[in-house]
Amino acid sequence: MRYLVTLFWTFILGQVVGYLGSSLSGGTYDFQLTAIISLVVGVIIILFGMIAPASKKTSHL
């Protein structure tokens, strides 16, 4: 479930960044290209989370 949420939010935020970036640079907004790039970034984030070592939990007494 957390992977679906991660992909969903990377898709939404990727579209926002793609739209703003194309508007600020004077280019054209391409929905398909932005969707592909944002989902690839989402998969990279998920893979990085799987590879990264788990943090040790410490208790503060």
C-alpha atoms as a PDB file:
ATOM      1  CA  MET A   1       0.000   0.000   0.000  1.00  0.00           C
ATOM      2  CA  ARG A   2       2.798   2.420   0.818  1.00  0.00           C
ATOM      3  CA  TYR A   3       4.298   1.838  -2.627  1.00  0.00           C
ATOM      4  CA  LEU A   4       1.036   2.829  -4.301  1.00  0.00           C
ATOM      5  CA  VAL A   5       0.850   5.961  -2.164  1.00  0.00           C
ATOM      6  CA  THR A   6       4.444   6.807  -3.047  1.00  0.00           C
ATOM      7  CA  LEU A   7       3.778   6.361  -6.762  1.00  0.00           C
ATOM      8  CA  PHE A   8       0.564   8.372  -6.532  1.00  0.00           C
ATOM      9  CA  TRP A   9       2.218  11.347  -4.846  1.00  0.00           C
ATOM     10  CA  THR A  10       5.285  11.296  -7.076  1.00  0.00           C
ATOM     11  CA  PHE A  11       2.921  11.327 -10.056  1.00  0.00           C
ATOM     12  CA  ILE A  12       0.927  14.298  -8.703  1.00  0.00           C
ATOM     13  CA  LEU A  13       3.958  16.290  -7.558  1.00  0.00           C
ATOM     14  CA  GLY A  14       5.806  15.441 -10.785  1.00  0.00           C
ATOM     15  CA  GLN A  15       2.949  16.876 -12.821  1.00  0.00           C
ATOM     16  CA  VAL A  16       2.976  20.056 -10.756  1.00  0.00           C
ATOM     17  CA  VAL A  17       6.739  20.446 -11.114  1.00  0.00           C
ATOM     18  CA  GLY A  18       6.574  19.672 -14.833  1.00  0.00           C
ATOM     19  CA  TYR A  19       3.834  22.213 -15.427  1.00  0.00           C
ATOM     20  CA  LEU A  20       5.531  24.948 -13.423  1.00  0.00           C
ATOM     21  CA  GLY A  21       8.915  24.200 -14.970  1.00  0.00           C
ATOM     22  CA  SER A  22       7.565  24.362 -18.499  1.00  0.00           C
ATOM     23  CA  SER A  23       5.674  27.571 -17.749  1.00  0.00           C
ATOM     24  CA  LEU A  24       8.688  29.268 -16.198  1.00  0.00           C
ATOM     25  CA  SER A  25      11.013  28.233 -18.987  1.00  0.00           C
ATOM     26  CA  GLY A  26       8.575  29.176 -21.738  1.00  0.00           C
ATOM     27  CA  GLY A  27       8.367  25.611 -23.054  1.00  0.00           C
ATOM     28  CA  THR A  28       5.383  23.417 -23.758  1.00  0.00           C
ATOM     29  CA  TYR A  29       3.851  21.151 -21.142  1.00  0.00           C
ATOM     30  CA  ASP A  30       3.947  17.455 -22.103  1.00  0.00           C
ATOM     31  CA  PHE A  31       1.715  15.311 -19.894  1.00  0.00           C
ATOM     32  CA  GLN A  32       3.046  11.943 -21.082  1.00  0.00           C
ATOM     33  CA  LEU A  33       6.713  12.779 -20.714  1.00  0.00           C
ATOM     34  CA  THR A  34       6.144  14.285 -17.284  1.00  0.00           C
ATOM     35  CA  ALA A  35       4.146  11.214 -16.202  1.00  0.00           C
ATOM     36  CA  ILE A  36       6.874   8.830 -17.330  1.00  0.00           C
ATOM     37  CA  ILE A  37       9.642  10.811 -15.646  1.00  0.00           C
ATOM     38  CA  SER A  38       7.719  11.208 -12.385  1.00  0.00           C
ATOM     39  CA  LEU A  39       6.861   7.490 -12.192  1.00  0.00           C
ATOM     40  CA  VAL A  40      10.479   6.531 -12.906  1.00  0.00           C
ATOM     41  CA  VAL A  41      11.557   8.843 -10.083  1.00  0.00           C
ATOM     42  CA  GLY A  42       8.951   7.201  -7.841  1.00  0.00           C
ATOM     43  CA  VAL A  43      10.335   3.731  -8.602  1.00  0.00           C
ATOM     44  CA  ILE A  44      13.867   4.979  -7.885  1.00  0.00           C
ATOM     45  CA  ILE A  45      12.686   6.356  -4.536  1.00  0.00           C
ATOM     46  CA  ILE A  46      11.065   3.017  -3.671  1.00  0.00           C
ATOM     47  CA  LEU A  47      14.210   1.089  -4.650  1.00  0.00           C
ATOM     48  CA  PHE A  48      16.381   3.454  -2.633  1.00  0.00           C
ATOM     49  CA  GLY A  49      14.140   2.848   0.387  1.00  0.00           C
ATOM     50  CA  MET A  50      14.551  -0.917  -0.007  1.00  0.00           C
ATOM     51  CA  ILE A  51      18.334  -0.715  -0.339  1.00  0.00           C
ATOM     52  CA  ALA A  52      18.962   1.807   2.438  1.00  0.00           C
ATOM     53  CA  PRO A  53      19.802   0.271   5.802  1.00  0.00           C
ATOM     54  CA  ALA A  54      17.083   0.356   8.427  1.00  0.00           C
ATOM     55  CA  SER A  55      17.633   2.843  11.203  1.00  0.00           C
ATOM     56  CA  LYS A  56      18.198   1.557  14.707  1.00  0.00           C
ATOM     57  CA  LYS A  57      15.508   2.589  17.105  1.00  0.00           C
ATOM     58  CA  THR A  58      16.798   4.044  20.346  1.00  0.00           C
ATOM     59  CA  SER A  59      14.780   4.570  23.457  1.00  0.00           C
ATOM     60  CA  HIS A  60      15.225   7.746  25.412  1.00  0.00           C
ATOM     61  CA  LEU A  61      14.703   7.151  29.109  1.00  0.00           C
END
